[in-house]
Structure formats: C-alpha cells, structure tokens
Amino acid sequence: FERGQATNQRLEDRVAEVIREKALQLTHEEVPHAVFVEVEELGERVVRANLYVETESQKGILVGKRGTMVREIGTRARPEVEALVGRKVFLELFVKVRPKWRRDRQLLERLGL
C-alpha cells in the first residue's frame, strides 16, 4: 500500500462491512450469512444503505418488532461508520429481500465474493 494507506478497499465497502458485522452480531444464528449490505449514498450528512436478505422471514428478523432490530443495528454501526468517514452522519438503513442473491454470479463478482 501507499504511505498512509491502510487498505485497498473502497470506503463504501468498509462502511457496508461494518453494518453487516453489526447485523450478524445482533442476529447471531438467525440470519446465517444470508445478508449483504450495499451503500446507496455516502453523502456529507447522510449514509444510506440497504441490507439485503434472501427471504421475507429473514427480513422480518432484521427489521424486528416495530423496527427495533434495524434501529439497533444502526445505533451500533454509527460510531464506527462516523470514524471511517471522519464526520457525524445520519445512518439510514433499509432491509430488502433479494431472492437467491447468493446464486447470482454477477452480484457475487461485484461484491468481490
């Protein structure tokens, strides 16, 4: 790496990984690696990201009762995201279903998997 460079990952990818990590930590075994995160917007004040799962039942787990789980994911991820981007941000998370995403070759290549 160049001097002062710690990684070759894009900032969006690092932010997505922090959010995914918190989702997996909070859901434990309930959503076993069937989630990926895509940062939709990395603005001055807002970071908007989508958490994708394969089934409606997984979506229900990530959203939680009245949105409690997705809110907690955001609460836990926000400090690390702010440290990465170097400023305070509003972290806006959405949970969406994308059936069989783990079988989509183009998506997996784009995600680097």
Protein backbone atom coordinates (compact mmCIF):
# COMPACT_ATOMS: atom_id res chain seq x y z
CA PHE A 1 0.00 0.00 0.00
CA GLU A 2 0.99 3.59 -0.44
CA ARG A 3 2.28 5.53 2.55
CA GLY A 4 -0.61 6.33 4.91
CA GLN A 5 -2.93 3.86 3.16
CA ALA A 6 -4.24 1.09 5.41
CA THR A 7 -6.41 -0.79 2.90
CA ASN A 8 -7.25 -1.02 -0.76
CA GLN A 9 -10.99 -1.34 -0.07
CA ARG A 10 -13.30 1.46 -1.10
CA LEU A 11 -14.85 3.49 1.71
CA GLU A 12 -18.33 2.27 0.70
CA ASP A 13 -17.19 -1.34 1.07
CA ARG A 14 -15.73 -0.73 4.53
CA VAL A 15 -18.92 1.04 5.66
CA ALA A 16 -21.02 -1.85 4.30
CA GLU A 17 -18.88 -4.38 6.15
CA VAL A 18 -19.30 -2.54 9.48
CA ILE A 19 -23.09 -2.55 9.06
CA ARG A 20 -23.11 -6.23 8.05
CA GLU A 21 -20.93 -7.12 11.04
CA LYS A 22 -23.38 -5.48 13.45
CA ALA A 23 -26.34 -7.21 11.79
CA LEU A 24 -24.68 -10.60 12.14
CA GLN A 25 -23.63 -9.94 15.74
CA LEU A 26 -27.17 -8.99 16.73
CA THR A 27 -28.99 -11.77 14.90
CA HIS A 28 -26.47 -14.48 15.84
CA GLU A 29 -27.53 -17.69 14.13
CA GLU A 30 -30.93 -16.44 12.94
CA VAL A 31 -29.65 -14.93 9.67
CA PRO A 32 -26.61 -17.09 8.89
CA HIS A 33 -24.57 -15.05 6.40
CA ALA A 34 -27.60 -14.57 4.15
CA VAL A 35 -27.22 -10.80 4.34
CA PHE A 36 -25.21 -8.36 2.28
CA VAL A 37 -25.09 -4.59 2.55
CA GLU A 38 -24.87 -2.09 -0.26
CA VAL A 39 -24.18 1.57 0.44
CA GLU A 40 -26.54 3.58 -1.72
CA GLU A 41 -25.43 7.06 -0.66
CA LEU A 42 -22.35 8.32 1.13
CA GLY A 43 -23.14 12.00 1.50
CA GLU A 44 -21.89 14.79 3.69
CA ARG A 45 -24.59 14.29 6.32
CA VAL A 46 -26.30 11.03 5.35
CA VAL A 47 -25.15 7.48 4.81
CA ARG A 48 -27.92 5.40 3.24
CA ALA A 49 -27.54 1.64 2.96
CA ASN A 50 -29.64 -1.36 2.04
CA LEU A 51 -29.38 -4.68 3.86
CA TYR A 52 -30.41 -7.48 1.51
CA VAL A 53 -31.60 -10.92 2.59
CA GLU A 54 -33.00 -13.87 0.64
CA THR A 55 -36.38 -14.40 2.31
CA GLU A 56 -39.23 -12.46 3.89
CA SER A 57 -38.67 -14.30 7.17
CA GLN A 58 -35.05 -13.12 7.24
CA LYS A 59 -36.26 -9.59 6.52
CA GLY A 60 -38.62 -9.85 9.49
CA ILE A 61 -35.74 -10.86 11.73
CA LEU A 62 -33.55 -7.95 10.59
CA VAL A 63 -36.34 -5.40 10.85
CA GLY A 64 -37.51 -6.73 14.21
CA LYS A 65 -40.68 -5.88 16.04
CA ARG A 66 -41.60 -2.30 15.11
CA GLY A 67 -38.15 -1.80 13.59
CA THR A 68 -36.24 -2.40 16.80
CA MET A 69 -33.57 -4.67 15.29
CA VAL A 70 -32.68 -2.49 12.30
CA ARG A 71 -32.62 0.52 14.62
CA GLU A 72 -30.20 -1.27 16.97
CA ILE A 73 -28.00 -2.30 14.01
CA GLY A 74 -27.79 1.38 13.05
CA THR A 75 -27.12 2.51 16.60
CA ARG A 76 -24.21 0.09 16.97
CA ALA A 77 -22.79 0.73 13.49
CA ARG A 78 -22.99 4.53 13.53
CA PRO A 79 -19.91 5.23 15.72
CA GLU A 80 -17.69 3.04 13.54
CA VAL A 81 -19.15 4.46 10.33
CA GLU A 82 -18.56 8.00 11.61
CA ALA A 83 -14.96 7.08 12.44
CA LEU A 84 -14.48 5.76 8.90
CA VAL A 85 -15.96 8.79 7.15
CA GLY A 86 -14.47 11.28 9.60
CA ARG A 87 -17.66 13.13 10.49
CA LYS A 88 -21.06 12.81 12.17
CA VAL A 89 -23.68 11.28 9.88
CA PHE A 90 -27.28 10.15 9.90
CA LEU A 91 -27.21 6.42 9.16
CA GLU A 92 -30.33 5.39 7.27
CA LEU A 93 -30.83 1.63 6.84
CA PHE A 94 -33.39 -0.26 4.77
CA VAL A 95 -33.97 -4.02 4.72
CA LYS A 96 -34.93 -5.55 1.36
CA VAL A 97 -35.47 -9.05 0.01
CA ARG A 98 -33.42 -10.23 -2.96
CA PRO A 99 -34.27 -13.91 -3.51
CA LYS A 100 -31.37 -16.27 -4.20
CA TRP A 101 -28.78 -13.47 -4.24
CA ARG A 102 -26.08 -15.96 -3.25
CA ARG A 103 -26.56 -17.69 -6.63
CA ASP A 104 -26.26 -14.50 -8.70
CA ARG A 105 -22.76 -14.67 -10.25
CA GLN A 106 -22.71 -11.05 -11.40
CA LEU A 107 -23.70 -9.80 -7.97
CA LEU A 108 -21.14 -12.00 -6.23
CA GLU A 109 -18.40 -10.76 -8.54
CA ARG A 110 -19.42 -7.15 -7.92
CA LEU A 111 -19.31 -7.79 -4.18
CA GLY A 112 -15.90 -9.38 -4.53
CA LEU A 113 -17.07 -12.81 -3.40
